[in-house]
Full PDB file with SEQRES, HELIX, SHEET, SSBOND, CRYST1, ORIGX, SCALE, CONECT and MASTER records, all heavy atoms in Angstrom:
SEQRES   1 A   32  ASN HIS ILE PRO GLY ILE HIS LEU ALA THR PHE SER GLU          
SEQRES   2 A   32  GLN GLY ARG ASN PHE PHE LEU LYS ILE GLY PHE THR LEU          
SEQRES   3 A   32  LEU GLY GLU ARG LYS THR                                      
HELIX    1 AA1 GLU A   13  LYS A   21  1                                   9    
CRYST1    1.000    1.000    1.000  90.00  90.00  90.00 P 1           1          
ORIGX1      1.000000  0.000000  0.000000        0.00000                         
ORIGX2      0.000000  1.000000  0.000000        0.00000                         
ORIGX3      0.000000  0.000000  1.000000        0.00000                         
SCALE1      1.000000  0.000000  0.000000        0.00000                         
SCALE2      0.000000  1.000000  0.000000        0.00000                         
SCALE3      0.000000  0.000000  1.000000        0.00000                         
ATOM      1  N   ASN A   1      81.592 -51.250 -26.278  1.00  0.00           N  
ATOM      2  CA  ASN A   1      80.974 -50.016 -25.822  1.00  0.00           C  
ATOM      3  C   ASN A   1      80.791 -49.011 -26.959  1.00  0.00           C  
ATOM      4  O   ASN A   1      80.524 -47.831 -26.711  1.00  0.00           O  
ATOM      5  CB  ASN A   1      81.792 -49.413 -24.683  1.00  0.00           C  
ATOM      6  CG  ASN A   1      81.580 -50.162 -23.385  1.00  0.00           C  
ATOM      7  OD1 ASN A   1      80.635 -49.895 -22.661  1.00  0.00           O  
ATOM      8  ND2 ASN A   1      82.438 -51.141 -23.105  1.00  0.00           N  
ATOM      9  N   HIS A   2      80.974 -49.473 -28.192  1.00  0.00           N  
ATOM     10  CA  HIS A   2      80.741 -48.679 -29.412  1.00  0.00           C  
ATOM     11  C   HIS A   2      81.589 -47.405 -29.468  1.00  0.00           C  
ATOM     12  O   HIS A   2      81.120 -46.354 -29.897  1.00  0.00           O  
ATOM     13  CB  HIS A   2      79.251 -48.353 -29.559  1.00  0.00           C  
ATOM     14  CG  HIS A   2      78.384 -49.570 -29.424  1.00  0.00           C  
ATOM     15  ND1 HIS A   2      78.338 -50.557 -30.387  1.00  0.00           N  
ATOM     16  CD2 HIS A   2      77.581 -49.974 -28.412  1.00  0.00           C  
ATOM     17  CE1 HIS A   2      77.522 -51.517 -29.982  1.00  0.00           C  
ATOM     18  NE2 HIS A   2      77.050 -51.195 -28.785  1.00  0.00           N  
ATOM     19  N   ILE A   3      82.837 -47.531 -29.032  1.00  0.00           N  
ATOM     20  CA  ILE A   3      83.783 -46.422 -29.096  1.00  0.00           C  
ATOM     21  C   ILE A   3      84.512 -46.532 -30.439  1.00  0.00           C  
ATOM     22  O   ILE A   3      85.108 -47.568 -30.735  1.00  0.00           O  
ATOM     23  CB  ILE A   3      84.785 -46.477 -27.918  1.00  0.00           C  
ATOM     24  CG1 ILE A   3      84.056 -46.530 -26.577  1.00  0.00           C  
ATOM     25  CG2 ILE A   3      85.764 -45.316 -27.991  1.00  0.00           C  
ATOM     26  CD1 ILE A   3      83.162 -45.356 -26.267  1.00  0.00           C  
ATOM     27  N   PRO A   4      84.488 -45.476 -31.265  1.00  0.00           N  
ATOM     28  CA  PRO A   4      85.032 -45.589 -32.623  1.00  0.00           C  
ATOM     29  C   PRO A   4      86.553 -45.601 -32.721  1.00  0.00           C  
ATOM     30  O   PRO A   4      87.113 -46.128 -33.685  1.00  0.00           O  
ATOM     31  CB  PRO A   4      84.467 -44.357 -33.335  1.00  0.00           C  
ATOM     32  CG  PRO A   4      84.223 -43.362 -32.248  1.00  0.00           C  
ATOM     33  CD  PRO A   4      83.840 -44.185 -31.034  1.00  0.00           C  
ATOM     34  N   GLY A   5      87.242 -45.008 -31.748  1.00  0.00           N  
ATOM     35  CA  GLY A   5      88.693 -44.948 -31.863  1.00  0.00           C  
ATOM     36  C   GLY A   5      89.345 -44.526 -30.566  1.00  0.00           C  
ATOM     37  O   GLY A   5      88.695 -44.134 -29.601  1.00  0.00           O  
ATOM     38  N   ILE A   6      90.660 -44.601 -30.586  1.00  0.00           N  
ATOM     39  CA  ILE A   6      91.462 -44.345 -29.387  1.00  0.00           C  
ATOM     40  C   ILE A   6      92.700 -43.551 -29.769  1.00  0.00           C  
ATOM     41  O   ILE A   6      93.197 -43.680 -30.891  1.00  0.00           O  
ATOM     42  CB  ILE A   6      91.835 -45.683 -28.710  1.00  0.00           C  
ATOM     43  CG1 ILE A   6      92.539 -45.435 -27.388  1.00  0.00           C  
ATOM     44  CG2 ILE A   6      92.648 -46.569 -29.618  1.00  0.00           C  
ATOM     45  CD1 ILE A   6      92.593 -46.660 -26.501  1.00  0.00           C  
ATOM     46  N   HIS A   7      93.179 -42.746 -28.846  1.00  0.00           N  
ATOM     47  CA  HIS A   7      94.435 -42.036 -29.072  1.00  0.00           C  
ATOM     48  C   HIS A   7      95.311 -42.147 -27.824  1.00  0.00           C  
ATOM     49  O   HIS A   7      94.840 -42.520 -26.749  1.00  0.00           O  
ATOM     50  CB  HIS A   7      94.188 -40.559 -29.427  1.00  0.00           C  
ATOM     51  CG  HIS A   7      93.734 -39.737 -28.275  1.00  0.00           C  
ATOM     52  ND1 HIS A   7      92.424 -39.736 -27.822  1.00  0.00           N  
ATOM     53  CD2 HIS A   7      94.419 -38.895 -27.462  1.00  0.00           C  
ATOM     54  CE1 HIS A   7      92.326 -38.924 -26.800  1.00  0.00           C  
ATOM     55  NE2 HIS A   7      93.512 -38.398 -26.549  1.00  0.00           N  
ATOM     56  N   LEU A   8      96.586 -41.829 -27.990  1.00  0.00           N  
ATOM     57  CA  LEU A   8      97.538 -41.851 -26.886  1.00  0.00           C  
ATOM     58  C   LEU A   8      98.713 -40.970 -27.234  1.00  0.00           C  
ATOM     59  O   LEU A   8      98.897 -40.618 -28.400  1.00  0.00           O  
ATOM     60  CB  LEU A   8      98.009 -43.282 -26.597  1.00  0.00           C  
ATOM     61  CG  LEU A   8      98.671 -44.023 -27.756  1.00  0.00           C  
ATOM     62  CD1 LEU A   8     100.166 -43.768 -27.782  1.00  0.00           C  
ATOM     63  CD2 LEU A   8      98.413 -45.504 -27.633  1.00  0.00           C  
ATOM     64  N   ALA A   9      99.487 -40.633 -26.236  1.00  0.00           N  
ATOM     65  CA  ALA A   9     100.699 -39.848 -26.432  1.00  0.00           C  
ATOM     66  C   ALA A   9     101.867 -40.595 -25.810  1.00  0.00           C  
ATOM     67  O   ALA A   9     101.715 -41.248 -24.779  1.00  0.00           O  
ATOM     68  CB  ALA A   9     100.560 -38.466 -25.801  1.00  0.00           C  
ATOM     69  N   THR A  10     103.027 -40.504 -26.452  1.00  0.00           N  
ATOM     70  CA  THR A  10     104.237 -41.134 -25.915  1.00  0.00           C  
ATOM     71  C   THR A  10     105.447 -40.287 -26.246  1.00  0.00           C  
ATOM     72  O   THR A  10     105.469 -39.590 -27.263  1.00  0.00           O  
ATOM     73  CB  THR A  10     104.426 -42.564 -26.463  1.00  0.00           C  
ATOM     74  OG1 THR A  10     105.558 -43.165 -25.813  1.00  0.00           O  
ATOM     75  CG2 THR A  10     104.655 -42.588 -27.959  1.00  0.00           C  
ATOM     76  N   PHE A  11     106.449 -40.340 -25.383  1.00  0.00           N  
ATOM     77  CA  PHE A  11     107.730 -39.728 -25.724  1.00  0.00           C  
ATOM     78  C   PHE A  11     108.813 -40.793 -25.851  1.00  0.00           C  
ATOM     79  O   PHE A  11     109.984 -40.504 -26.011  1.00  0.00           O  
ATOM     80  CB  PHE A  11     108.144 -38.628 -24.735  1.00  0.00           C  
ATOM     81  CG  PHE A  11     108.090 -39.000 -23.293  1.00  0.00           C  
ATOM     82  CD1 PHE A  11     109.079 -39.776 -22.725  1.00  0.00           C  
ATOM     83  CD2 PHE A  11     107.056 -38.556 -22.495  1.00  0.00           C  
ATOM     84  CE1 PHE A  11     109.050 -40.108 -21.387  1.00  0.00           C  
ATOM     85  CE2 PHE A  11     107.010 -38.892 -21.141  1.00  0.00           C  
ATOM     86  CZ  PHE A  11     108.006 -39.664 -20.593  1.00  0.00           C  
ATOM     87  N   SER A  12     108.415 -42.034 -25.854  1.00  0.00           N  
ATOM     88  CA  SER A  12     109.336 -43.162 -25.958  1.00  0.00           C  
ATOM     89  C   SER A  12     109.506 -43.595 -27.413  1.00  0.00           C  
ATOM     90  O   SER A  12     108.529 -43.856 -28.107  1.00  0.00           O  
ATOM     91  CB  SER A  12     108.784 -44.333 -25.129  1.00  0.00           C  
ATOM     92  OG  SER A  12     109.337 -45.547 -25.537  1.00  0.00           O  
ATOM     93  N   GLU A  13     110.742 -43.686 -27.848  1.00  0.00           N  
ATOM     94  CA  GLU A  13     111.011 -44.182 -29.213  1.00  0.00           C  
ATOM     95  C   GLU A  13     110.549 -45.625 -29.348  1.00  0.00           C  
ATOM     96  O   GLU A  13     109.958 -46.019 -30.342  1.00  0.00           O  
ATOM     97  CB  GLU A  13     112.504 -44.058 -29.526  1.00  0.00           C  
ATOM     98  CG  GLU A  13     112.841 -44.265 -30.978  1.00  0.00           C  
ATOM     99  CD  GLU A  13     112.235 -43.210 -31.900  1.00  0.00           C  
ATOM    100  OE1 GLU A  13     112.264 -42.019 -31.560  1.00  0.00           O  
ATOM    101  OE2 GLU A  13     111.716 -43.597 -32.966  1.00  0.00           O  
ATOM    102  N   GLN A  14     110.792 -46.432 -28.325  1.00  0.00           N  
ATOM    103  CA  GLN A  14     110.347 -47.826 -28.309  1.00  0.00           C  
ATOM    104  C   GLN A  14     108.817 -47.882 -28.379  1.00  0.00           C  
ATOM    105  O   GLN A  14     108.246 -48.705 -29.088  1.00  0.00           O  
ATOM    106  CB  GLN A  14     110.860 -48.508 -27.042  1.00  0.00           C  
ATOM    107  CG  GLN A  14     110.638 -49.989 -26.991  1.00  0.00           C  
ATOM    108  CD  GLN A  14     111.244 -50.589 -25.718  1.00  0.00           C  
ATOM    109  OE1 GLN A  14     111.636 -49.886 -24.791  1.00  0.00           O  
ATOM    110  NE2 GLN A  14     111.308 -51.903 -25.677  1.00  0.00           N  
ATOM    111  N   GLY A  15     108.167 -46.985 -27.652  1.00  0.00           N  
ATOM    112  CA  GLY A  15     106.709 -46.904 -27.691  1.00  0.00           C  
ATOM    113  C   GLY A  15     106.200 -46.534 -29.068  1.00  0.00           C  
ATOM    114  O   GLY A  15     105.241 -47.123 -29.574  1.00  0.00           O  
ATOM    115  N   ARG A  16     106.837 -45.534 -29.702  1.00  0.00           N  
ATOM    116  CA  ARG A  16     106.436 -45.129 -31.055  1.00  0.00           C  
ATOM    117  C   ARG A  16     106.438 -46.337 -31.997  1.00  0.00           C  
ATOM    118  O   ARG A  16     105.489 -46.553 -32.740  1.00  0.00           O  
ATOM    119  CB  ARG A  16     107.385 -44.066 -31.613  1.00  0.00           C  
ATOM    120  CG  ARG A  16     107.154 -42.691 -31.118  1.00  0.00           C  
ATOM    121  CD  ARG A  16     108.110 -41.715 -31.840  1.00  0.00           C  
ATOM    122  NE  ARG A  16     108.235 -40.502 -31.093  1.00  0.00           N  
ATOM    123  CZ  ARG A  16     109.101 -40.304 -30.102  1.00  0.00           C  
ATOM    124  NH1 ARG A  16     109.965 -41.229 -29.764  1.00  0.00           N  
ATOM    125  NH2 ARG A  16     109.120 -39.163 -29.460  1.00  0.00           N  
ATOM    126  N   ASN A  17     107.510 -47.097 -31.959  1.00  0.00           N  
ATOM    127  CA  ASN A  17     107.628 -48.262 -32.848  1.00  0.00           C  
ATOM    128  C   ASN A  17     106.543 -49.299 -32.548  1.00  0.00           C  
ATOM    129  O   ASN A  17     105.957 -49.872 -33.462  1.00  0.00           O  
ATOM    130  CB  ASN A  17     109.021 -48.888 -32.719  1.00  0.00           C  
ATOM    131  CG  ASN A  17     110.106 -47.955 -33.210  1.00  0.00           C  
ATOM    132  OD1 ASN A  17     109.881 -47.087 -34.045  1.00  0.00           O  
ATOM    133  ND2 ASN A  17     111.301 -48.110 -32.677  1.00  0.00           N  
ATOM    134  N   PHE A  18     106.279 -49.539 -31.274  1.00  0.00           N  
ATOM    135  CA  PHE A  18     105.256 -50.504 -30.878  1.00  0.00           C  
ATOM    136  C   PHE A  18     103.881 -50.076 -31.384  1.00  0.00           C  
ATOM    137  O   PHE A  18     103.138 -50.870 -31.964  1.00  0.00           O  
ATOM    138  CB  PHE A  18     105.247 -50.664 -29.351  1.00  0.00           C  
ATOM    139  CG  PHE A  18     104.091 -51.469 -28.827  1.00  0.00           C  
ATOM    140  CD1 PHE A  18     103.993 -52.832 -29.088  1.00  0.00           C  
ATOM    141  CD2 PHE A  18     103.094 -50.866 -28.073  1.00  0.00           C  
ATOM    142  CE1 PHE A  18     102.919 -53.575 -28.599  1.00  0.00           C  
ATOM    143  CE2 PHE A  18     102.028 -51.596 -27.575  1.00  0.00           C  
ATOM    144  CZ  PHE A  18     101.945 -52.960 -27.845  1.00  0.00           C  
ATOM    145  N   PHE A  19     103.525 -48.815 -31.184  1.00  0.00           N  
ATOM    146  CA  PHE A  19     102.198 -48.354 -31.583  1.00  0.00           C  
ATOM    147  C   PHE A  19     102.019 -48.394 -33.097  1.00  0.00           C  
ATOM    148  O   PHE A  19     100.949 -48.752 -33.588  1.00  0.00           O  
ATOM    149  CB  PHE A  19     101.913 -46.966 -31.011  1.00  0.00           C  
ATOM    150  CG  PHE A  19     101.925 -46.963 -29.508  1.00  0.00           C  
ATOM    151  CD1 PHE A  19     102.770 -46.141 -28.795  1.00  0.00           C  
ATOM    152  CD2 PHE A  19     101.110 -47.829 -28.787  1.00  0.00           C  
ATOM    153  CE1 PHE A  19     102.796 -46.160 -27.414  1.00  0.00           C  
ATOM    154  CE2 PHE A  19     101.125 -47.864 -27.401  1.00  0.00           C  
ATOM    155  CZ  PHE A  19     101.976 -47.026 -26.714  1.00  0.00           C  
ATOM    156  N   LEU A  20     103.062 -48.063 -33.841  1.00  0.00           N  
ATOM    157  CA  LEU A  20     102.977 -48.169 -35.301  1.00  0.00           C  
ATOM    158  C   LEU A  20     102.792 -49.631 -35.716  1.00  0.00           C  
ATOM    159  O   LEU A  20     102.006 -49.935 -36.606  1.00  0.00           O  
ATOM    160  CB  LEU A  20     104.224 -47.576 -35.958  1.00  0.00           C  
ATOM    161  CG  LEU A  20     104.340 -46.055 -35.899  1.00  0.00           C  
ATOM    162  CD1 LEU A  20     105.725 -45.604 -36.351  1.00  0.00           C  
ATOM    163  CD2 LEU A  20     103.248 -45.389 -36.741  1.00  0.00           C  
ATOM    164  N   LYS A  21     103.517 -50.533 -35.043  1.00  0.00           N  
ATOM    165  CA  LYS A  21     103.451 -51.965 -35.370  1.00  0.00           C  
ATOM    166  C   LYS A  21     102.043 -52.527 -35.177  1.00  0.00           C  
ATOM    167  O   LYS A  21     101.602 -53.393 -35.932  1.00  0.00           O  
ATOM    168  CB  LYS A  21     104.449 -52.741 -34.500  1.00  0.00           C  
ATOM    169  CG  LYS A  21     104.526 -54.227 -34.788  1.00  0.00           C  
ATOM    170  CD  LYS A  21     105.493 -54.923 -33.847  1.00  0.00           C  
ATOM    171  CE  LYS A  21     104.676 -55.630 -32.806  1.00  0.00           C  
ATOM    172  NZ  LYS A  21     105.383 -56.352 -31.794  1.00  0.00           N  
ATOM    173  N   ILE A  22     101.305 -52.027 -34.178  1.00  0.00           N  
ATOM    174  CA  ILE A  22      99.974 -52.584 -33.926  1.00  0.00           C  
ATOM    175  C   ILE A  22      98.848 -51.758 -34.571  1.00  0.00           C  
ATOM    176  O   ILE A  22      97.685 -51.917 -34.215  1.00  0.00           O  
ATOM    177  CB  ILE A  22      99.713 -52.813 -32.422  1.00  0.00           C  
ATOM    178  CG1 ILE A  22      99.741 -51.512 -31.640  1.00  0.00           C  
ATOM    179  CG2 ILE A  22     100.690 -53.828 -31.851  1.00  0.00           C  
ATOM    180  CD1 ILE A  22      99.242 -51.672 -30.219  1.00  0.00           C  
ATOM    181  N   GLY A  23      99.221 -50.910 -35.520  1.00  0.00           N  
ATOM    182  CA  GLY A  23      98.202 -50.264 -36.346  1.00  0.00           C  
ATOM    183  C   GLY A  23      97.793 -48.854 -35.993  1.00  0.00           C  
ATOM    184  O   GLY A  23      96.827 -48.335 -36.544  1.00  0.00           O  
ATOM    185  N   PHE A  24      98.523 -48.193 -35.105  1.00  0.00           N  
ATOM    186  CA  PHE A  24      98.223 -46.792 -34.817  1.00  0.00           C  
ATOM    187  C   PHE A  24      98.795 -45.902 -35.916  1.00  0.00           C  
ATOM    188  O   PHE A  24      99.765 -46.270 -36.586  1.00  0.00           O  
ATOM    189  CB  PHE A  24      98.822 -46.373 -33.467  1.00  0.00           C  
ATOM    190  CG  PHE A  24      98.004 -46.763 -32.280  1.00  0.00           C  
ATOM    191  CD1 PHE A  24      98.038 -48.051 -31.779  1.00  0.00           C  
ATOM    192  CD2 PHE A  24      97.188 -45.834 -31.642  1.00  0.00           C  
ATOM    193  CE1 PHE A  24      97.288 -48.413 -30.674  1.00  0.00           C  
ATOM    194  CE2 PHE A  24      96.431 -46.188 -30.533  1.00  0.00           C  
ATOM    195  CZ  PHE A  24      96.478 -47.478 -30.050  1.00  0.00           C  
ATOM    196  N   THR A  25      98.206 -44.731 -36.093  1.00  0.00           N  
ATOM    197  CA  THR A  25      98.651 -43.738 -37.060  1.00  0.00           C  
ATOM    198  C   THR A  25      99.132 -42.507 -36.298  1.00  0.00           C  
ATOM    199  O   THR A  25      98.490 -42.088 -35.324  1.00  0.00           O  
ATOM    200  CB  THR A  25      97.470 -43.328 -37.979  1.00  0.00           C  
ATOM    201  OG1 THR A  25      96.982 -44.494 -38.631  1.00  0.00           O  
ATOM    202  CG2 THR A  25      97.891 -42.308 -39.003  1.00  0.00           C  
ATOM    203  N   LEU A  26     100.228 -41.916 -36.748  1.00  0.00           N  
ATOM    204  CA  LEU A  26     100.746 -40.703 -36.126  1.00  0.00           C  
ATOM    205  C   LEU A  26      99.801 -39.547 -36.430  1.00  0.00           C  
ATOM    206  O   LEU A  26      99.511 -39.249 -37.586  1.00  0.00           O  
ATOM    207  CB  LEU A  26     102.148 -40.398 -36.645  1.00  0.00           C  
ATOM    208  CG  LEU A  26     102.837 -39.178 -36.046  1.00  0.00           C  
ATOM    209  CD1 LEU A  26     103.091 -39.368 -34.550  1.00  0.00           C  
ATOM    210  CD2 LEU A  26     104.147 -38.913 -36.774  1.00  0.00           C  
ATOM    211  N   LEU A  27      99.288 -38.883 -35.375  1.00  0.00           N  
ATOM    212  CA  LEU A  27      98.368 -37.756 -35.530  1.00  0.00           C  
ATOM    213  C   LEU A  27      99.074 -36.414 -35.377  1.00  0.00           C  
ATOM    214  O   LEU A  27      98.598 -35.403 -35.877  1.00  0.00           O  
ATOM    215  CB  LEU A  27      97.227 -37.837 -34.512  1.00  0.00           C  
ATOM    216  CG  LEU A  27      96.333 -39.073 -34.563  1.00  0.00           C  
ATOM    217  CD1 LEU A  27      95.320 -39.045 -33.423  1.00  0.00           C  
ATOM    218  CD2 LEU A  27      95.629 -39.169 -35.905  1.00  0.00           C  
ATOM    219  N   GLY A  28     100.187 -36.389 -34.662  1.00  0.00           N  
ATOM    220  CA  GLY A  28     100.915 -35.138 -34.460  1.00  0.00           C  
ATOM    221  C   GLY A  28     102.078 -35.316 -33.516  1.00  0.00           C  
ATOM    222  O   GLY A  28     102.161 -36.314 -32.799  1.00  0.00           O  
ATOM    223  N   GLU A  29     102.998 -34.341 -33.560  1.00  0.00           N  
ATOM    224  CA  GLU A  29     104.163 -34.375 -32.679  1.00  0.00           C  
ATOM    225  C   GLU A  29     104.473 -32.965 -32.198  1.00  0.00           C  
ATOM    226  O   GLU A  29     104.139 -31.988 -32.858  1.00  0.00           O  
ATOM    227  CB  GLU A  29     105.393 -34.929 -33.401  1.00  0.00           C  
ATOM    228  CG  GLU A  29     105.280 -36.395 -33.740  1.00  0.00           C  
ATOM    229  CD  GLU A  29     106.543 -36.944 -34.371  1.00  0.00           C  
ATOM    230  OE1 GLU A  29     107.041 -36.368 -35.344  1.00  0.00           O  
ATOM    231  OE2 GLU A  29     107.010 -37.977 -33.868  1.00  0.00           O  
ATOM    232  N   ARG A  30     105.120 -32.888 -31.056  1.00  0.00           N  
ATOM    233  CA  ARG A  30     105.596 -31.615 -30.537  1.00  0.00           C  
ATOM    234  C   ARG A  30     106.776 -31.880 -29.601  1.00  0.00           C  
ATOM    235  O   ARG A  30     106.954 -33.001 -29.124  1.00  0.00           O  
ATOM    236  CB  ARG A  30     104.488 -30.865 -29.820  1.00  0.00           C  
ATOM    237  CG  ARG A  30     104.133 -31.469 -28.479  1.00  0.00           C  
ATOM    238  CD  ARG A  30     103.048 -30.718 -27.756  1.00  0.00           C  
ATOM    239  NE  ARG A  30     102.774 -31.180 -26.443  1.00  0.00           N  
ATOM    240  CZ  ARG A  30     102.412 -32.400 -26.059  1.00  0.00           C  
ATOM    241  NH1 ARG A  30     102.290 -33.346 -26.949  1.00  0.00           N  
ATOM    242  NH2 ARG A  30     102.175 -32.700 -24.805  1.00  0.00           N  
ATOM    243  N   LYS A  31     107.554 -30.844 -29.352  1.00  0.00           N  
ATOM    244  CA  LYS A  31     108.669 -30.978 -28.417  1.00  0.00           C  
ATOM    245  C   LYS A  31     108.316 -30.266 -27.124  1.00  0.00           C  
ATOM    246  O   LYS A  31     107.583 -29.286 -27.119  1.00  0.00           O  
ATOM    247  CB  LYS A  31     109.936 -30.380 -29.016  1.00  0.00           C  
ATOM    248  CG  LYS A  31     110.496 -31.218 -30.133  1.00  0.00           C  
ATOM    249  CD  LYS A  31     111.908 -30.850 -30.439  1.00  0.00           C  
ATOM    250  CE  LYS A  31     112.413 -31.835 -31.480  1.00  0.00           C  
ATOM    251  NZ  LYS A  31     113.815 -31.814 -31.636  1.00  0.00           N  
ATOM    252  N   THR A  32     108.862 -30.791 -26.028  1.00  0.00           N  
ATOM    253  CA  THR A  32     108.690 -30.151 -24.732  1.00  0.00           C  
ATOM    254  C   THR A  32     110.051 -29.995 -24.068  1.00  0.00           C  
ATOM    255  O   THR A  32     110.915 -30.857 -24.192  1.00  0.00           O  
ATOM    256  CB  THR A  32     107.727 -30.953 -23.814  1.00  0.00           C  
ATOM    257  OG1 THR A  32     107.622 -30.263 -22.572  1.00  0.00           O  
ATOM    258  CG2 THR A  32     108.208 -32.360 -23.563  1.00  0.00           C  
TER     259      THR A  32                                                      
MASTER        0    0    0    1    0    0    0    6  258    1    0    3          
END                                                                             
């Protein structure tokens, strides 16, 4: 569908590691 990129948000440490492993780049962080 010619979509150039994707983003997502997670608060899971396990999720963070998974997304980095499959080639995602950290765009930003914040606390809630």
